[in-house]
Amino acid sequence: MELKRQLGVNYGTAWMVKHKPLQAMKEADDQLLLTRCNVQTVTFST
């Protein structure tokens, strides 16, 4: 609600202004974790 008041926009716009950058940061962080992760392939014989 504070962001809504400070920007002088409606709730939906304030929510989007806040969450879009957070989502982008999360996606970038997730991608970084995937590139740093050394995944080994395990083969099971039956």
PDB file of N, CA and C in Angstrom:
ATOM      1  N   MET A   1       0.821  -1.197   0.000  1.00  0.00           N
ATOM      2  CA  MET A   1       0.000   0.000   0.000  1.00  0.00           C
ATOM      3  C   MET A   1       0.866   1.262   0.000  1.00  0.00           C
ATOM      4  N   GLU A   2       2.015   1.200   0.644  1.00  0.00           N
ATOM      5  CA  GLU A   2       2.902   2.364   0.675  1.00  0.00           C
ATOM      6  C   GLU A   2       3.394   2.707  -0.732  1.00  0.00           C
ATOM      7  N   LEU A   3       3.779   1.700  -1.491  1.00  0.00           N
ATOM      8  CA  LEU A   3       4.252   1.935  -2.855  1.00  0.00           C
ATOM      9  C   LEU A   3       3.140   2.547  -3.705  1.00  0.00           C
ATOM     10  N   LYS A   4       1.936   2.053  -3.527  1.00  0.00           N
ATOM     11  CA  LYS A   4       0.771   2.586  -4.244  1.00  0.00           C
ATOM     12  C   LYS A   4       0.621   4.073  -3.957  1.00  0.00           C
ATOM     13  N   ARG A   5       0.734   4.427  -2.702  1.00  0.00           N
ATOM     14  CA  ARG A   5       0.583   5.830  -2.302  1.00  0.00           C
ATOM     15  C   ARG A   5       1.730   6.676  -2.844  1.00  0.00           C
ATOM     16  N   GLN A   6       2.959   6.164  -2.704  1.00  0.00           N
ATOM     17  CA  GLN A   6       4.124   6.932  -3.148  1.00  0.00           C
ATOM     18  C   GLN A   6       4.129   7.169  -4.660  1.00  0.00           C
ATOM     19  N   LEU A   7       3.705   6.160  -5.407  1.00  0.00           N
ATOM     20  CA  LEU A   7       3.706   6.300  -6.864  1.00  0.00           C
ATOM     21  C   LEU A   7       2.447   6.956  -7.400  1.00  0.00           C
ATOM     22  N   GLY A   8       1.395   6.970  -6.582  1.00  0.00           N
ATOM     23  CA  GLY A   8       0.128   7.549  -7.027  1.00  0.00           C
ATOM     24  C   GLY A   8      -0.541   6.720  -8.100  1.00  0.00           C
ATOM     25  N   VAL A   9      -0.446   5.388  -7.956  1.00  0.00           N
ATOM     26  CA  VAL A   9      -1.043   4.483  -8.937  1.00  0.00           C
ATOM     27  C   VAL A   9      -2.007   3.545  -8.228  1.00  0.00           C
ATOM     28  N   ASN A  10      -2.740   2.738  -9.014  1.00  0.00           N
ATOM     29  CA  ASN A  10      -3.665   1.803  -8.388  1.00  0.00           C
ATOM     30  C   ASN A  10      -2.909   0.592  -7.838  1.00  0.00           C
ATOM     31  N   TYR A  11      -3.603  -0.236  -7.082  1.00  0.00           N
ATOM     32  CA  TYR A  11      -2.988  -1.382  -6.412  1.00  0.00           C
ATOM     33  C   TYR A  11      -2.341  -2.351  -7.407  1.00  0.00           C
ATOM     34  N   GLY A  12      -3.033  -2.638  -8.499  1.00  0.00           N
ATOM     35  CA  GLY A  12      -2.507  -3.574  -9.490  1.00  0.00           C
ATOM     36  C   GLY A  12      -1.192  -3.103 -10.093  1.00  0.00           C
ATOM     37  N   THR A  13      -1.097  -1.836 -10.386  1.00  0.00           N
ATOM     38  CA  THR A  13       0.131  -1.278 -10.938  1.00  0.00           C
ATOM     39  C   THR A  13       1.260  -1.335  -9.914  1.00  0.00           C
ATOM     40  N   ALA A  14       0.965  -0.974  -8.684  1.00  0.00           N
ATOM     41  CA  ALA A  14       1.983  -1.016  -7.623  1.00  0.00           C
ATOM     42  C   ALA A  14       2.470  -2.445  -7.407  1.00  0.00           C
ATOM     43  N   TRP A  15       1.549  -3.398  -7.446  1.00  0.00           N
ATOM     44  CA  TRP A  15       1.916  -4.803  -7.269  1.00  0.00           C
ATOM     45  C   TRP A  15       2.860  -5.237  -8.383  1.00  0.00           C
ATOM     46  N   MET A  16       2.534  -4.846  -9.623  1.00  0.00           N
ATOM     47  CA  MET A  16       3.352  -5.226 -10.766  1.00  0.00           C
ATOM     48  C   MET A  16       4.738  -4.579 -10.693  1.00  0.00           C
ATOM     49  N   VAL A  17       4.790  -3.313 -10.292  1.00  0.00           N
ATOM     50  CA  VAL A  17       6.066  -2.599 -10.169  1.00  0.00           C
ATOM     51  C   VAL A  17       6.964  -3.292  -9.136  1.00  0.00           C
ATOM     52  N   LYS A  18       6.352  -3.829  -8.107  1.00  0.00           N
ATOM     53  CA  LYS A  18       7.129  -4.514  -7.069  1.00  0.00           C
ATOM     54  C   LYS A  18       7.524  -5.929  -7.480  1.00  0.00           C
ATOM     55  N   HIS A  19       6.605  -6.679  -8.054  1.00  0.00           N
ATOM     56  CA  HIS A  19       6.836  -8.097  -8.277  1.00  0.00           C
ATOM     57  C   HIS A  19       7.587  -8.451  -9.563  1.00  0.00           C
ATOM     58  N   LYS A  20       7.498  -7.628 -10.572  1.00  0.00           N
ATOM     59  CA  LYS A  20       8.223  -7.930 -11.814  1.00  0.00           C
ATOM     60  C   LYS A  20       9.741  -7.969 -11.587  1.00  0.00           C
ATOM     61  N   PRO A  21      10.331  -6.973 -10.937  1.00  0.00           N
ATOM     62  CA  PRO A  21      11.779  -7.060 -10.669  1.00  0.00           C
ATOM     63  C   PRO A  21      12.132  -8.223  -9.743  1.00  0.00           C
ATOM     64  N   LEU A  22      11.277  -8.502  -8.751  1.00  0.00           N
ATOM     65  CA  LEU A  22      11.543  -9.629  -7.856  1.00  0.00           C
ATOM     66  C   LEU A  22      11.538 -10.941  -8.631  1.00  0.00           C
ATOM     67  N   GLN A  23      10.596 -11.096  -9.540  1.00  0.00           N
ATOM     68  CA  GLN A  23      10.518 -12.306 -10.355  1.00  0.00           C
ATOM     69  C   GLN A  23      11.746 -12.420 -11.252  1.00  0.00           C
ATOM     70  N   ALA A  24      12.168 -11.316 -11.845  1.00  0.00           N
ATOM     71  CA  ALA A  24      13.344 -11.330 -12.719  1.00  0.00           C
ATOM     72  C   ALA A  24      14.596 -11.707 -11.938  1.00  0.00           C
ATOM     73  N   MET A  25      14.729 -11.183 -10.714  1.00  0.00           N
ATOM     74  CA  MET A  25      15.880 -11.529  -9.882  1.00  0.00           C
ATOM     75  C   MET A  25      15.856 -13.003  -9.507  1.00  0.00           C
ATOM     76  N   LYS A  26      14.678 -13.539  -9.195  1.00  0.00           N
ATOM     77  CA  LYS A  26      14.556 -14.941  -8.835  1.00  0.00           C
ATOM     78  C   LYS A  26      14.936 -15.826 -10.015  1.00  0.00           C
ATOM     79  N   GLU A  27      14.447 -15.487 -11.191  1.00  0.00           N
ATOM     80  CA  GLU A  27      14.760 -16.276 -12.376  1.00  0.00           C
ATOM     81  C   GLU A  27      16.249 -16.242 -12.682  1.00  0.00           C
ATOM     82  N   ALA A  28      16.878 -15.069 -12.536  1.00  0.00           N
ATOM     83  CA  ALA A  28      18.322 -14.955 -12.761  1.00  0.00           C
ATOM     84  C   ALA A  28      19.092 -15.777 -11.733  1.00  0.00           C
ATOM     85  N   ASP A  29      18.646 -15.734 -10.483  1.00  0.00           N
ATOM     86  CA  ASP A  29      19.290 -16.498  -9.421  1.00  0.00           C
ATOM     87  C   ASP A  29      19.132 -17.994  -9.668  1.00  0.00           C
ATOM     88  N   ASP A  30      17.944 -18.411 -10.071  1.00  0.00           N
ATOM     89  CA  ASP A  30      17.711 -19.825 -10.371  1.00  0.00           C
ATOM     90  C   ASP A  30      18.609 -20.291 -11.514  1.00  0.00           C
ATOM     91  N   GLN A  31      18.758 -19.471 -12.527  1.00  0.00           N
ATOM     92  CA  GLN A  31      19.603 -19.822 -13.668  1.00  0.00           C
ATOM     93  C   GLN A  31      21.056 -19.919 -13.239  1.00  0.00           C
ATOM     94  N   LEU A  32      21.496 -19.018 -12.389  1.00  0.00           N
ATOM     95  CA  LEU A  32      22.870 -19.042 -11.887  1.00  0.00           C
ATOM     96  C   LEU A  32      23.119 -20.320 -11.097  1.00  0.00           C
ATOM     97  N   LEU A  33      22.161 -20.719 -10.273  1.00  0.00           N
ATOM     98  CA  LEU A  33      22.307 -21.957  -9.511  1.00  0.00           C
ATOM     99  C   LEU A  33      22.421 -23.163 -10.431  1.00  0.00           C
ATOM    100  N   LEU A  34      21.646 -23.159 -11.513  1.00  0.00           N
ATOM    101  CA  LEU A  34      21.706 -24.269 -12.455  1.00  0.00           C
ATOM    102  C   LEU A  34      23.047 -24.335 -13.166  1.00  0.00           C
ATOM    103  N   THR A  35      23.622 -23.199 -13.497  1.00  0.00           N
ATOM    104  CA  THR A  35      24.899 -23.204 -14.205  1.00  0.00           C
ATOM    105  C   THR A  35      26.049 -23.560 -13.273  1.00  0.00           C
ATOM    106  N   ARG A  36      25.913 -23.303 -11.977  1.00  0.00           N
ATOM    107  CA  ARG A  36      26.957 -23.646 -11.016  1.00  0.00           C
ATOM    108  C   ARG A  36      26.856 -25.088 -10.539  1.00  0.00           C
ATOM    109  N   CYS A  37      25.709 -25.676 -10.724  1.00  0.00           N
ATOM    110  CA  CYS A  37      25.459 -27.023 -10.228  1.00  0.00           C
ATOM    111  C   CYS A  37      26.104 -28.038 -11.169  1.00  0.00           C
ATOM    112  N   ASN A  38      26.930 -28.925 -10.608  1.00  0.00           N
ATOM    113  CA  ASN A  38      27.560 -29.973 -11.406  1.00  0.00           C
ATOM    114  C   ASN A  38      26.752 -31.238 -11.197  1.00  0.00           C
ATOM    115  N   VAL A  39      25.902 -31.525 -12.148  1.00  0.00           N
ATOM    116  CA  VAL A  39      25.019 -32.678 -12.037  1.00  0.00           C
ATOM    117  C   VAL A  39      25.669 -33.863 -12.734  1.00  0.00           C
ATOM    118  N   GLN A  40      25.761 -34.964 -12.014  1.00  0.00           N
ATOM    119  CA  GLN A  40      26.320 -36.179 -12.589  1.00  0.00           C
ATOM    120  C   GLN A  40      25.189 -37.100 -13.014  1.00  0.00           C
ATOM    121  N   THR A  41      25.410 -37.795 -14.099  1.00  0.00           N
ATOM    122  CA  THR A  41      24.412 -38.749 -14.580  1.00  0.00           C
ATOM    123  C   THR A  41      24.680 -40.088 -13.893  1.00  0.00           C
ATOM    124  N   VAL A  42      23.659 -40.635 -13.336  1.00  0.00           N
ATOM    125  CA  VAL A  42      23.756 -41.929 -12.665  1.00  0.00           C
ATOM    126  C   VAL A  42      23.011 -42.941 -13.502  1.00  0.00           C
ATOM    127  N   THR A  43      23.667 -44.042 -13.799  1.00  0.00           N
ATOM    128  CA  THR A  43      23.066 -45.095 -14.594  1.00  0.00           C
ATOM    129  C   THR A  43      22.836 -46.309 -13.710  1.00  0.00           C
ATOM    130  N   PHE A  44      21.624 -46.809 -13.717  1.00  0.00           N
ATOM    131  CA  PHE A  44      21.290 -47.996 -12.955  1.00  0.00           C
ATOM    132  C   PHE A  44      21.141 -49.153 -13.906  1.00  0.00           C
ATOM    133  N   SER A  45      21.808 -50.242 -13.604  1.00  0.00           N
ATOM    134  CA  SER A  45      21.632 -51.427 -14.446  1.00  0.00           C
ATOM    135  C   SER A  45      20.688 -52.396 -13.755  1.00  0.00           C
ATOM    136  N   THR A  46      19.882 -53.063 -14.549  1.00  0.00           N
ATOM    137  CA  THR A  46      18.914 -53.994 -13.966  1.00  0.00           C
ATOM    138  C   THR A  46      19.200 -55.405 -14.422  1.00  0.00           C
TER     139      THR A  46
END
